[in-house]
PDB file of N, CA and C in Angstrom:
ATOM      1  N   MET A   1       0.819  -1.188   0.000  1.00  0.00           N
ATOM      2  CA  MET A   1       0.000   0.000   0.000  1.00  0.00           C
ATOM      3  C   MET A   1       0.867   1.259   0.000  1.00  0.00           C
ATOM      4  N   ARG A   2       1.994   1.211   0.684  1.00  0.00           N
ATOM      5  CA  ARG A   2       2.869   2.372   0.766  1.00  0.00           C
ATOM      6  C   ARG A   2       3.462   2.727  -0.596  1.00  0.00           C
ATOM      7  N   ILE A   3       3.840   1.719  -1.389  1.00  0.00           N
ATOM      8  CA  ILE A   3       4.400   1.966  -2.720  1.00  0.00           C
ATOM      9  C   ILE A   3       3.358   2.635  -3.607  1.00  0.00           C
ATOM     10  N   ALA A   4       2.117   2.200  -3.486  1.00  0.00           N
ATOM     11  CA  ALA A   4       1.043   2.820  -4.277  1.00  0.00           C
ATOM     12  C   ALA A   4       0.879   4.285  -3.899  1.00  0.00           C
ATOM     13  N   ASN A   5       1.010   4.601  -2.625  1.00  0.00           N
ATOM     14  CA  ASN A   5       0.905   6.002  -2.197  1.00  0.00           C
ATOM     15  C   ASN A   5       2.034   6.843  -2.768  1.00  0.00           C
ATOM     16  N   VAL A   6       3.244   6.305  -2.806  1.00  0.00           N
ATOM     17  CA  VAL A   6       4.385   7.035  -3.371  1.00  0.00           C
ATOM     18  C   VAL A   6       4.180   7.258  -4.860  1.00  0.00           C
ATOM     19  N   ILE A   7       3.687   6.248  -5.565  1.00  0.00           N
ATOM     20  CA  ILE A   7       3.435   6.389  -7.003  1.00  0.00           C
ATOM     21  C   ILE A   7       2.373   7.453  -7.256  1.00  0.00           C
ATOM     22  N   LEU A   8       1.305   7.442  -6.455  1.00  0.00           N
ATOM     23  CA  LEU A   8       0.268   8.466  -6.610  1.00  0.00           C
ATOM     24  C   LEU A   8       0.808   9.854  -6.292  1.00  0.00           C
ATOM     25  N   LEU A   9       1.671   9.959  -5.282  1.00  0.00           N
ATOM     26  CA  LEU A   9       2.279  11.245  -4.944  1.00  0.00           C
ATOM     27  C   LEU A   9       3.129  11.761  -6.098  1.00  0.00           C
ATOM     28  N   LEU A  10       3.943  10.887  -6.689  1.00  0.00           N
ATOM     29  CA  LEU A  10       4.786  11.309  -7.812  1.00  0.00           C
ATOM     30  C   LEU A  10       3.939  11.703  -9.013  1.00  0.00           C
ATOM     31  N   PHE A  11       2.840  10.980  -9.252  1.00  0.00           N
ATOM     32  CA  PHE A  11       1.949  11.335 -10.352  1.00  0.00           C
ATOM     33  C   PHE A  11       1.329  12.705 -10.096  1.00  0.00           C
ATOM     34  N   TYR A  12       0.903  12.948  -8.857  1.00  0.00           N
ATOM     35  CA  TYR A  12       0.314  14.236  -8.510  1.00  0.00           C
ATOM     36  C   TYR A  12       1.326  15.363  -8.686  1.00  0.00           C
ATOM     37  N   VAL A  13       2.566  15.127  -8.267  1.00  0.00           N
ATOM     38  CA  VAL A  13       3.611  16.136  -8.411  1.00  0.00           C
ATOM     39  C   VAL A  13       3.849  16.441  -9.883  1.00  0.00           C
ATOM     40  N   ASN A  14       3.912  15.395 -10.710  1.00  0.00           N
ATOM     41  CA  ASN A  14       4.139  15.606 -12.141  1.00  0.00           C
ATOM     42  C   ASN A  14       3.009  16.399 -12.769  1.00  0.00           C
ATOM     43  N   VAL A  15       1.777  16.101 -12.385  1.00  0.00           N
ATOM     44  CA  VAL A  15       0.634  16.798 -12.971  1.00  0.00           C
ATOM     45  C   VAL A  15       0.540  18.219 -12.434  1.00  0.00           C
ATOM     46  N   SER A  16       0.748  18.394 -11.132  1.00  0.00           N
ATOM     47  CA  SER A  16       0.574  19.718 -10.553  1.00  0.00           C
ATOM     48  C   SER A  16       1.695  20.683 -10.943  1.00  0.00           C
ATOM     49  N   LEU A  17       2.916  20.181 -11.108  1.00  0.00           N
ATOM     50  CA  LEU A  17       4.001  21.065 -11.515  1.00  0.00           C
ATOM     51  C   LEU A  17       3.932  21.372 -13.000  1.00  0.00           C
ATOM     52  N   GLY A  18       3.231  20.561 -13.736  1.00  0.00           N
ATOM     53  CA  GLY A  18       3.014  20.819 -15.142  1.00  0.00           C
ATOM     54  C   GLY A  18       4.200  20.448 -16.000  1.00  0.00           C
ATOM     55  N   TYR A  19       4.052  19.443 -16.769  1.00  0.00           N
ATOM     56  CA  TYR A  19       5.088  19.056 -17.711  1.00  0.00           C
ATOM     57  C   TYR A  19       4.744  19.625 -19.070  1.00  0.00           C
ATOM     58  N   GLU A  20       5.748  20.074 -19.758  1.00  0.00           N
ATOM     59  CA  GLU A  20       5.556  20.557 -21.117  1.00  0.00           C
ATOM     60  C   GLU A  20       5.892  19.438 -22.083  1.00  0.00           C
ATOM     61  N   LEU A  21       5.162  19.361 -23.142  1.00  0.00           N
ATOM     62  CA  LEU A  21       5.381  18.340 -24.153  1.00  0.00           C
ATOM     63  C   LEU A  21       6.083  18.990 -25.335  1.00  0.00           C
ATOM     64  N   ASN A  22       7.283  18.539 -25.606  1.00  0.00           N
ATOM     65  CA  ASN A  22       8.040  19.043 -26.742  1.00  0.00           C
ATOM     66  C   ASN A  22       8.036  18.005 -27.840  1.00  0.00           C
ATOM     67  N   GLN A  23       7.953  18.445 -29.064  1.00  0.00           N
ATOM     68  CA  GLN A  23       7.948  17.510 -30.175  1.00  0.00           C
ATOM     69  C   GLN A  23       9.046  17.910 -31.151  1.00  0.00           C
ATOM     70  N   ASP A  24      10.017  17.003 -31.315  1.00  0.00           N
ATOM     71  CA  ASP A  24      11.086  17.208 -32.278  1.00  0.00           C
ATOM     72  C   ASP A  24      10.784  16.350 -33.492  1.00  0.00           C
ATOM     73  N   GLN A  25      10.979  16.907 -34.670  1.00  0.00           N
ATOM     74  CA  GLN A  25      10.751  16.122 -35.872  1.00  0.00           C
ATOM     75  C   GLN A  25      12.074  15.945 -36.602  1.00  0.00           C
ATOM     76  N   ARG A  26      12.326  14.736 -37.029  1.00  0.00           N
ATOM     77  CA  ARG A  26      13.546  14.424 -37.768  1.00  0.00           C
ATOM     78  C   ARG A  26      13.171  13.839 -39.115  1.00  0.00           C
ATOM     79  N   ILE A  27      13.894  14.245 -40.115  1.00  0.00           N
ATOM     80  CA  ILE A  27      13.653  13.709 -41.455  1.00  0.00           C
ATOM     81  C   ILE A  27      14.333  12.360 -41.573  1.00  0.00           C
ATOM     82  N   LEU A  28      13.593  11.385 -42.033  1.00  0.00           N
ATOM     83  CA  LEU A  28      14.151  10.061 -42.251  1.00  0.00           C
ATOM     84  C   LEU A  28      14.468   9.893 -43.729  1.00  0.00           C
ATOM     85  N   PRO A  29      15.707   9.628 -44.078  1.00  0.00           N
ATOM     86  CA  PRO A  29      16.046   9.431 -45.488  1.00  0.00           C
ATOM     87  C   PRO A  29      15.706   8.007 -45.940  1.00  0.00           C
ATOM     88  N   ILE A  30      14.457   7.789 -46.297  1.00  0.00           N
ATOM     89  CA  ILE A  30      14.030   6.477 -46.782  1.00  0.00           C
ATOM     90  C   ILE A  30      13.810   6.602 -48.284  1.00  0.00           C
ATOM     91  N   ASP A  31      14.652   5.943 -49.032  1.00  0.00           N
ATOM     92  CA  ASP A  31      14.579   5.948 -50.494  1.00  0.00           C
ATOM     93  C   ASP A  31      14.563   7.362 -51.068  1.00  0.00           C
ATOM     94  N   GLY A  32      15.274   8.261 -50.424  1.00  0.00           N
ATOM     95  CA  GLY A  32      15.375   9.622 -50.935  1.00  0.00           C
ATOM     96  C   GLY A  32      14.123  10.449 -50.731  1.00  0.00           C
ATOM     97  N   ASP A  33      13.113   9.896 -50.067  1.00  0.00           N
ATOM     98  CA  ASP A  33      11.872  10.624 -49.854  1.00  0.00           C
ATOM     99  C   ASP A  33      11.980  11.401 -48.543  1.00  0.00           C
ATOM    100  N   SER A  34      12.067  12.705 -48.629  1.00  0.00           N
ATOM    101  CA  SER A  34      12.241  13.516 -47.429  1.00  0.00           C
ATOM    102  C   SER A  34      10.907  13.970 -46.849  1.00  0.00           C
ATOM    103  N   SER A  35       9.804  13.446 -47.342  1.00  0.00           N
ATOM    104  CA  SER A  35       8.508  13.869 -46.825  1.00  0.00           C
ATOM    105  C   SER A  35       8.053  13.033 -45.632  1.00  0.00           C
ATOM    106  N   LEU A  36       8.821  11.992 -45.285  1.00  0.00           N
ATOM    107  CA  LEU A  36       8.458  11.167 -44.148  1.00  0.00           C
ATOM    108  C   LEU A  36       9.124  11.710 -42.894  1.00  0.00           C
ATOM    109  N   TYR A  37       8.383  11.821 -41.844  1.00  0.00           N
ATOM    110  CA  TYR A  37       8.896  12.370 -40.601  1.00  0.00           C
ATOM    111  C   TYR A  37       8.710  11.367 -39.468  1.00  0.00           C
ATOM    112  N   GLU A  38       9.632  11.416 -38.528  1.00  0.00           N
ATOM    113  CA  GLU A  38       9.517  10.625 -37.305  1.00  0.00           C
ATOM    114  C   GLU A  38       9.378  11.609 -36.156  1.00  0.00           C
ATOM    115  N   SER A  39       8.363  11.434 -35.351  1.00  0.00           N
ATOM    116  CA  SER A  39       8.159  12.320 -34.221  1.00  0.00           C
ATOM    117  C   SER A  39       8.769  11.706 -32.976  1.00  0.00           C
ATOM    118  N   LYS A  40       9.472  12.528 -32.233  1.00  0.00           N
ATOM    119  CA  LYS A  40      10.039  12.092 -30.966  1.00  0.00           C
ATOM    120  C   LYS A  40       9.466  13.009 -29.895  1.00  0.00           C
ATOM    121  N   LEU A  41       8.690  12.417 -28.981  1.00  0.00           N
ATOM    122  CA  LEU A  41       8.055  13.199 -27.937  1.00  0.00           C
ATOM    123  C   LEU A  41       8.896  13.128 -26.674  1.00  0.00           C
ATOM    124  N   THR A  42       9.133  14.260 -26.060  1.00  0.00           N
ATOM    125  CA  THR A  42       9.872  14.303 -24.806  1.00  0.00           C
ATOM    126  C   THR A  42       9.097  15.153 -23.817  1.00  0.00           C
ATOM    127  N   PHE A  43       9.248  14.843 -22.542  1.00  0.00           N
ATOM    128  CA  PHE A  43       8.614  15.606 -21.483  1.00  0.00           C
ATOM    129  C   PHE A  43       9.690  16.312 -20.676  1.00  0.00           C
ATOM    130  N   GLU A  44       9.462  17.578 -20.417  1.00  0.00           N
ATOM    131  CA  GLU A  44      10.396  18.351 -19.608  1.00  0.00           C
ATOM    132  C   GLU A  44       9.615  19.036 -18.496  1.00  0.00           C
ATOM    133  N   ALA A  45      10.114  18.958 -17.285  1.00  0.00           N
ATOM    134  CA  ALA A  45       9.452  19.590 -16.146  1.00  0.00           C
ATOM    135  C   ALA A  45       9.678  21.095 -16.188  1.00  0.00           C
ATOM    136  N   LYS A  46       8.675  21.834 -15.768  1.00  0.00           N
ATOM    137  CA  LYS A  46       8.840  23.287 -15.674  1.00  0.00           C
ATOM    138  C   LYS A  46       9.746  23.650 -14.505  1.00  0.00           C
ATOM    139  N   HIS A  47       9.745  22.816 -13.463  1.00  0.00           N
ATOM    140  CA  HIS A  47      10.558  23.046 -12.274  1.00  0.00           C
ATOM    141  C   HIS A  47      11.370  21.788 -11.978  1.00  0.00           C
ATOM    142  N   PRO A  48      12.404  21.495 -12.774  1.00  0.00           N
ATOM    143  CA  PRO A  48      13.128  20.223 -12.598  1.00  0.00           C
ATOM    144  C   PRO A  48      13.824  20.098 -11.252  1.00  0.00           C
ATOM    145  N   LYS A  49      14.254  21.208 -10.684  1.00  0.00           N
ATOM    146  CA  LYS A  49      14.942  21.156  -9.395  1.00  0.00           C
ATOM    147  C   LYS A  49      13.973  20.739  -8.286  1.00  0.00           C
ATOM    148  N   LEU A  50      12.760  21.288  -8.311  1.00  0.00           N
ATOM    149  CA  LEU A  50      11.755  20.939  -7.320  1.00  0.00           C
ATOM    150  C   LEU A  50      11.343  19.474  -7.451  1.00  0.00           C
ATOM    151  N   VAL A  51      11.199  19.005  -8.675  1.00  0.00           N
ATOM    152  CA  VAL A  51      10.865  17.594  -8.904  1.00  0.00           C
ATOM    153  C   VAL A  51      11.978  16.704  -8.363  1.00  0.00           C
ATOM    154  N   ALA A  52      13.229  17.081  -8.608  1.00  0.00           N
ATOM    155  CA  ALA A  52      14.365  16.297  -8.114  1.00  0.00           C
ATOM    156  C   ALA A  52      14.397  16.272  -6.586  1.00  0.00           C
ATOM    157  N   VAL A  53      14.081  17.387  -5.954  1.00  0.00           N
ATOM    158  CA  VAL A  53      14.061  17.437  -4.486  1.00  0.00           C
ATOM    159  C   VAL A  53      12.959  16.536  -3.942  1.00  0.00           C
ATOM    160  N   ILE A  54      11.772  16.593  -4.526  1.00  0.00           N
ATOM    161  CA  ILE A  54      10.655  15.781  -4.049  1.00  0.00           C
ATOM    162  C   ILE A  54      10.944  14.295  -4.241  1.00  0.00           C
ATOM    163  N   ILE A  55      11.515  13.937  -5.373  1.00  0.00           N
ATOM    164  CA  ILE A  55      11.856  12.531  -5.614  1.00  0.00           C
ATOM    165  C   ILE A  55      12.956  12.088  -4.659  1.00  0.00           C
ATOM    166  N   THR A  56      13.905  12.965  -4.359  1.00  0.00           N
ATOM    167  CA  THR A  56      14.969  12.617  -3.410  1.00  0.00           C
ATOM    168  C   THR A  56      14.391  12.365  -2.025  1.00  0.00           C
ATOM    169  N   ILE A  57      13.441  13.191  -1.611  1.00  0.00           N
ATOM    170  CA  ILE A  57      12.817  12.992  -0.304  1.00  0.00           C
ATOM    171  C   ILE A  57      12.017  11.691  -0.286  1.00  0.00           C
ATOM    172  N   ALA A  58      11.253  11.427  -1.342  1.00  0.00           N
ATOM    173  CA  ALA A  58      10.374  10.260  -1.363  1.00  0.00           C
ATOM    174  C   ALA A  58      11.123   8.953  -1.603  1.00  0.00           C
ATOM    175  N   LEU A  59      12.061   8.958  -2.539  1.00  0.00           N
ATOM    176  CA  LEU A  59      12.720   7.716  -2.969  1.00  0.00           C
ATOM    177  C   LEU A  59      14.235   7.798  -2.902  1.00  0.00           C
ATOM    178  N   GLY A  60      14.771   8.650  -2.050  1.00  0.00           N
ATOM    179  CA  GLY A  60      16.214   8.838  -1.959  1.00  0.00           C
ATOM    180  C   GLY A  60      17.011   7.580  -1.671  1.00  0.00           C
ATOM    181  N   PRO A  61      16.652   6.806  -0.633  1.00  0.00           N
ATOM    182  CA  PRO A  61      17.442   5.604  -0.336  1.00  0.00           C
ATOM    183  C   PRO A  61      17.396   4.552  -1.443  1.00  0.00           C
ATOM    184  N   LEU A  62      16.407   4.650  -2.324  1.00  0.00           N
ATOM    185  CA  LEU A  62      16.323   3.711  -3.444  1.00  0.00           C
ATOM    186  C   LEU A  62      16.945   4.277  -4.718  1.00  0.00           C
ATOM    187  N   GLY A  63      17.381   5.524  -4.687  1.00  0.00           N
ATOM    188  CA  GLY A  63      18.038   6.124  -5.840  1.00  0.00           C
ATOM    189  C   GLY A  63      17.092   6.629  -6.913  1.00  0.00           C
ATOM    190  N   GLY A  64      15.852   6.909  -6.553  1.00  0.00           N
ATOM    191  CA  GLY A  64      14.878   7.396  -7.535  1.00  0.00           C
ATOM    192  C   GLY A  64      15.286   8.710  -8.172  1.00  0.00           C
ATOM    193  N   HIS A  65      15.903   9.571  -7.402  1.00  0.00           N
ATOM    194  CA  HIS A  65      16.345  10.860  -7.941  1.00  0.00           C
ATOM    195  C   HIS A  65      17.462  10.687  -8.961  1.00  0.00           C
ATOM    196  N   ARG A  66      18.252   9.642  -8.808  1.00  0.00           N
ATOM    197  CA  ARG A  66      19.330   9.413  -9.769  1.00  0.00           C
ATOM    198  C   ARG A  66      18.754   8.935 -11.106  1.00  0.00           C
ATOM    199  N   LEU A  67      17.659   8.173 -11.072  1.00  0.00           N
ATOM    200  CA  LEU A  67      16.975   7.807 -12.320  1.00  0.00           C
ATOM    201  C   LEU A  67      16.396   9.044 -12.989  1.00  0.00           C
ATOM    202  N   TYR A  68      15.851   9.952 -12.192  1.00  0.00           N
ATOM    203  CA  TYR A  68      15.317  11.201 -12.736  1.00  0.00           C
ATOM    204  C   TYR A  68      16.426  12.010 -13.405  1.00  0.00           C
ATOM    205  N   LEU A  69      17.635  11.915 -12.874  1.00  0.00           N
ATOM    206  CA  LEU A  69      18.769  12.641 -13.444  1.00  0.00           C
ATOM    207  C   LEU A  69      19.472  11.848 -14.547  1.00  0.00           C
ATOM    208  N   HIS A  70      18.873  10.752 -15.005  1.00  0.00           N
ATOM    209  CA  HIS A  70      19.327   9.966 -16.156  1.00  0.00           C
ATOM    210  C   HIS A  70      20.689   9.307 -15.950  1.00  0.00           C
ATOM    211  N   THR A  71      20.875   8.657 -14.830  1.00  0.00           N
ATOM    212  CA  THR A  71      22.096   7.889 -14.639  1.00  0.00           C
ATOM    213  C   THR A  71      21.871   6.471 -15.141  1.00  0.00           C
ATOM    214  N   LYS A  72      22.942   5.698 -15.184  1.00  0.00           N
ATOM    215  CA  LYS A  72      22.799   4.291 -15.555  1.00  0.00           C
ATOM    216  C   LYS A  72      22.035   3.567 -14.450  1.00  0.00           C
ATOM    217  N   PRO A  73      21.289   2.520 -14.780  1.00  0.00           N
ATOM    218  CA  PRO A  73      20.484   1.812 -13.781  1.00  0.00           C
ATOM    219  C   PRO A  73      21.296   1.174 -12.658  1.00  0.00           C
ATOM    220  N   ILE A  74      22.579   0.978 -12.836  1.00  0.00           N
ATOM    221  CA  ILE A  74      23.390   0.367 -11.785  1.00  0.00           C
ATOM    222  C   ILE A  74      23.496   1.276 -10.560  1.00  0.00           C
ATOM    223  N   VAL A  75      23.455   2.592 -10.763  1.00  0.00           N
ATOM    224  CA  VAL A  75      23.594   3.531  -9.646  1.00  0.00           C
ATOM    225  C   VAL A  75      22.426   3.401  -8.665  1.00  0.00           C
ATOM    226  N   PRO A  76      21.162   3.429  -9.109  1.00  0.00           N
ATOM    227  CA  PRO A  76      20.075   3.222  -8.150  1.00  0.00           C
ATOM    228  C   PRO A  76      20.073   1.825  -7.531  1.00  0.00           C
ATOM    229  N   ILE A  77      20.588   0.843  -8.241  1.00  0.00           N
ATOM    230  CA  ILE A  77      20.689  -0.497  -7.661  1.00  0.00           C
ATOM    231  C   ILE A  77      21.659  -0.473  -6.480  1.00  0.00           C
ATOM    232  N   VAL A  78      22.780   0.220  -6.638  1.00  0.00           N
ATOM    233  CA  VAL A  78      23.740   0.344  -5.534  1.00  0.00           C
ATOM    234  C   VAL A  78      23.102   1.108  -4.373  1.00  0.00           C
ATOM    235  N   TYR A  79      22.365   2.170  -4.670  1.00  0.00           N
ATOM    236  CA  TYR A  79      21.665   2.918  -3.623  1.00  0.00           C
ATOM    237  C   TYR A  79      20.707   2.001  -2.873  1.00  0.00           C
ATOM    238  N   ALA A  80      19.929   1.207  -3.600  1.00  0.00           N
ATOM    239  CA  ALA A  80      18.937   0.338  -2.969  1.00  0.00           C
ATOM    240  C   ALA A  80      19.597  -0.751  -2.132  1.00  0.00           C
ATOM    241  N   LEU A  81      20.674  -1.333  -2.630  1.00  0.00           N
ATOM    242  CA  LEU A  81      21.338  -2.409  -1.898  1.00  0.00           C
ATOM    243  C   LEU A  81      22.020  -1.915  -0.623  1.00  0.00           C
ATOM    244  N   THR A  82      22.478  -0.671  -0.639  1.00  0.00           N
ATOM    245  CA  THR A  82      23.160  -0.118   0.546  1.00  0.00           C
ATOM    246  C   THR A  82      22.260   0.838   1.327  1.00  0.00           C
ATOM    247  N   LEU A  83      20.974   0.907   0.941  1.00  0.00           N
ATOM    248  CA  LEU A  83      20.018   1.837   1.555  1.00  0.00           C
ATOM    249  C   LEU A  83      20.554   3.265   1.576  1.00  0.00           C
ATOM    250  N   GLY A  84      21.037   3.686   0.454  1.00  0.00           N
ATOM    251  CA  GLY A  84      21.522   5.058   0.329  1.00  0.00           C
ATOM    252  C   GLY A  84      22.900   5.271   0.917  1.00  0.00           C
ATOM    253  N   GLY A  85      23.751   4.301   0.743  1.00  0.00           N
ATOM    254  CA  GLY A  85      25.111   4.450   1.234  1.00  0.00           C
ATOM    255  C   GLY A  85      25.236   4.180   2.724  1.00  0.00           C
ATOM    256  N   GLY A  86      24.314   3.480   3.289  1.00  0.00           N
ATOM    257  CA  GLY A  86      24.360   3.181   4.726  1.00  0.00           C
ATOM    258  C   GLY A  86      23.740   4.311   5.521  1.00  0.00           C
ATOM    259  N   LEU A  87      22.676   4.014   6.205  1.00  0.00           N
ATOM    260  CA  LEU A  87      21.940   4.986   7.037  1.00  0.00           C
ATOM    261  C   LEU A  87      21.411   6.174   6.241  1.00  0.00           C
ATOM    262  N   GLY A  88      21.287   6.028   4.933  1.00  0.00           N
ATOM    263  CA  GLY A  88      20.713   7.084   4.115  1.00  0.00           C
ATOM    264  C   GLY A  88      21.574   8.318   3.979  1.00  0.00           C
ATOM    265  N   LEU A  89      22.870   8.170   4.102  1.00  0.00           N
ATOM    266  CA  LEU A  89      23.776   9.316   4.064  1.00  0.00           C
ATOM    267  C   LEU A  89      23.865   9.950   2.670  1.00  0.00           C
ATOM    268  N   LEU A  90      23.970   9.125   1.628  1.00  0.00           N
ATOM    269  CA  LEU A  90      24.100   9.671   0.276  1.00  0.00           C
ATOM    270  C   LEU A  90      22.869  10.478  -0.157  1.00  0.00           C
ATOM    271  N   PRO A  91      21.644   9.990   0.066  1.00  0.00           N
ATOM    272  CA  PRO A  91      20.497  10.808  -0.341  1.00  0.00           C
ATOM    273  C   PRO A  91      20.390  12.123   0.425  1.00  0.00           C
ATOM    274  N   ILE A  92      20.811  12.143   1.667  1.00  0.00           N
ATOM    275  CA  ILE A  92      20.765  13.399   2.433  1.00  0.00           C
ATOM    276  C   ILE A  92      21.734  14.411   1.827  1.00  0.00           C
ATOM    277  N   ILE A  93      22.923  13.959   1.504  1.00  0.00           N
ATOM    278  CA  ILE A  93      23.901  14.864   0.888  1.00  0.00           C
ATOM    279  C   ILE A  93      23.450  15.237  -0.518  1.00  0.00           C
ATOM    280  N   ASP A  94      22.887  14.269  -1.260  1.00  0.00           N
ATOM    281  CA  ASP A  94      22.346  14.573  -2.590  1.00  0.00           C
ATOM    282  C   ASP A  94      21.254  15.640  -2.503  1.00  0.00           C
ATOM    283  N   LEU A  95      20.395  15.535  -1.500  1.00  0.00           N
ATOM    284  CA  LEU A  95      19.325  16.514  -1.317  1.00  0.00           C
ATOM    285  C   LEU A  95      19.894  17.908  -1.081  1.00  0.00           C
ATOM    286  N   ILE A  96      20.926  18.001  -0.267  1.00  0.00           N
ATOM    287  CA  ILE A  96      21.561  19.296  -0.010  1.00  0.00           C
ATOM    288  C   ILE A  96      22.207  19.844  -1.282  1.00  0.00           C
ATOM    289  N   VAL A  97      22.902  18.982  -2.015  1.00  0.00           N
ATOM    290  CA  VAL A  97      23.565  19.415  -3.251  1.00  0.00           C
ATOM    291  C   VAL A  97      22.536  19.857  -4.285  1.00  0.00           C
ATOM    292  N   ILE A  98      21.470  19.080  -4.462  1.00  0.00           N
ATOM    293  CA  ILE A  98      20.438  19.431  -5.448  1.00  0.00           C
ATOM    294  C   ILE A  98      19.740  20.724  -5.047  1.00  0.00           C
ATOM    295  N   THR A  99      19.485  20.905  -3.765  1.00  0.00           N
ATOM    296  CA  THR A  99      18.782  22.101  -3.299  1.00  0.00           C
ATOM    297  C   THR A  99      19.595  23.374  -3.517  1.00  0.00           C
ATOM    298  N   PHE A 100      20.893  23.313  -3.280  1.00  0.00           N
ATOM    299  CA  PHE A 100      21.695  24.530  -3.323  1.00  0.00           C
ATOM    300  C   PHE A 100      22.472  24.738  -4.618  1.00  0.00           C
ATOM    301  N   THR A 101      22.338  23.851  -5.584  1.00  0.00           N
ATOM    302  CA  THR A 101      23.005  24.065  -6.865  1.00  0.00           C
ATOM    303  C   THR A 101      22.111  24.907  -7.766  1.00  0.00           C
ATOM    304  N   LYS A 102      22.715  25.694  -8.617  1.00  0.00           N
ATOM    305  CA  LYS A 102      21.936  26.538  -9.517  1.00  0.00           C
ATOM    306  C   LYS A 102      21.533  25.810 -10.784  1.00  0.00           C
ATOM    307  N   ASP A 103      22.382  24.890 -11.242  1.00  0.00           N
ATOM    308  CA  ASP A 103      22.122  24.201 -12.503  1.00  0.00           C
ATOM    309  C   ASP A 103      22.293  22.701 -12.306  1.00  0.00           C
ATOM    310  N   LEU A 104      21.258  21.937 -12.604  1.00  0.00           N
ATOM    311  CA  LEU A 104      21.313  20.485 -12.440  1.00  0.00           C
ATOM    312  C   LEU A 104      22.022  19.775 -13.591  1.00  0.00           C
ATOM    313  N   ASP A 105      22.380  20.500 -14.640  1.00  0.00           N
ATOM    314  CA  ASP A 105      22.975  19.861 -15.816  1.00  0.00           C
ATOM    315  C   ASP A 105      24.283  19.143 -15.510  1.00  0.00           C
ATOM    316  N   LYS A 106      25.058  19.626 -14.555  1.00  0.00           N
ATOM    317  CA  LYS A 106      26.318  18.947 -14.255  1.00  0.00           C
ATOM    318  C   LYS A 106      26.098  17.628 -13.524  1.00  0.00           C
ATOM    319  N   TYR A 107      24.890  17.404 -13.003  1.00  0.00           N
ATOM    320  CA  TYR A 107      24.581  16.141 -12.341  1.00  0.00           C
ATOM    321  C   TYR A 107      23.766  15.197 -13.223  1.00  0.00           C
ATOM    322  N   ARG A 108      23.320  15.672 -14.370  1.00  0.00           N
ATOM    323  CA  ARG A 108      22.586  14.810 -15.303  1.00  0.00           C
ATOM    324  C   ARG A 108      23.565  13.870 -16.007  1.00  0.00           C
ATOM    325  N   GLU A 109      23.124  12.646 -16.185  1.00  0.00           N
ATOM    326  CA  GLU A 109      23.916  11.596 -16.842  1.00  0.00           C
ATOM    327  C   GLU A 109      25.276  11.413 -16.165  1.00  0.00           C
ATOM    328  N   ASN A 110      25.338  11.653 -14.871  1.00  0.00           N
ATOM    329  CA  ASN A 110      26.539  11.454 -14.076  1.00  0.00           C
ATOM    330  C   ASN A 110      26.479  10.037 -13.522  1.00  0.00           C
ATOM    331  N   ASN A 111      27.323   9.162 -14.015  1.00  0.00           N
ATOM    332  CA  ASN A 111      27.239   7.743 -13.662  1.00  0.00           C
ATOM    333  C   ASN A 111      28.093   7.349 -12.468  1.00  0.00           C
ATOM    334  N   LYS A 112      28.611   8.324 -11.747  1.00  0.00           N
ATOM    335  CA  LYS A 112      29.358   8.028 -10.525  1.00  0.00           C
ATOM    336  C   LYS A 112      28.365   7.698  -9.408  1.00  0.00           C
ATOM    337  N   ILE A 113      28.776   6.823  -8.503  1.00  0.00           N
ATOM    338  CA  ILE A 113      27.911   6.500  -7.375  1.00  0.00           C
ATOM    339  C   ILE A 113      27.713   7.733  -6.497  1.00  0.00           C
ATOM    340  N   ILE A 114      28.784   8.468  -6.239  1.00  0.00           N
ATOM    341  CA  ILE A 114      28.702   9.715  -5.479  1.00  0.00           C
ATOM    342  C   ILE A 114      28.762  10.839  -6.490  1.00  0.00           C
ATOM    343  N   MET A 115      27.613  11.450  -6.764  1.00  0.00           N
ATOM    344  CA  MET A 115      27.494  12.349  -7.917  1.00  0.00           C
ATOM    345  C   MET A 115      28.245  13.661  -7.780  1.00  0.00           C
ATOM    346  N   TRP A 116      28.503  14.124  -6.590  1.00  0.00           N
ATOM    347  CA  TRP A 116      29.153  15.427  -6.424  1.00  0.00           C
ATOM    348  C   TRP A 116      30.661  15.365  -6.444  1.00  0.00           C
ATOM    349  N   LEU A 117      31.256  14.185  -6.529  1.00  0.00           N
ATOM    350  CA  LEU A 117      32.705  14.082  -6.613  1.00  0.00           C
ATOM    351  C   LEU A 117      33.191  14.187  -8.024  1.00  0.00           C
TER     352      LEU A 117
END
């Protein structure tokens, strides 16, 4: 029941913060016909830092915030197996770093276990 509540909370956060839908179109060169298009839909949060903070609070020891920041799946597995680096130390420090950083881009796709090093 608790997992369902967390999922509903994350869904509510995503809906209430408002995600924008961006559509990129790429031309596919199929038999020289440039009239065919492939649509790629992406979702971007209006407040990515706030979403990252909320996910860190809710799913920090399991590494949910690291998935949001597009790391390799092995990083959240390590977080889950060690419960956030033992006693939840890594998610607490991650929360502080995410809260006080101005730009999250340096932490996106960061595949280190300790993202701020």
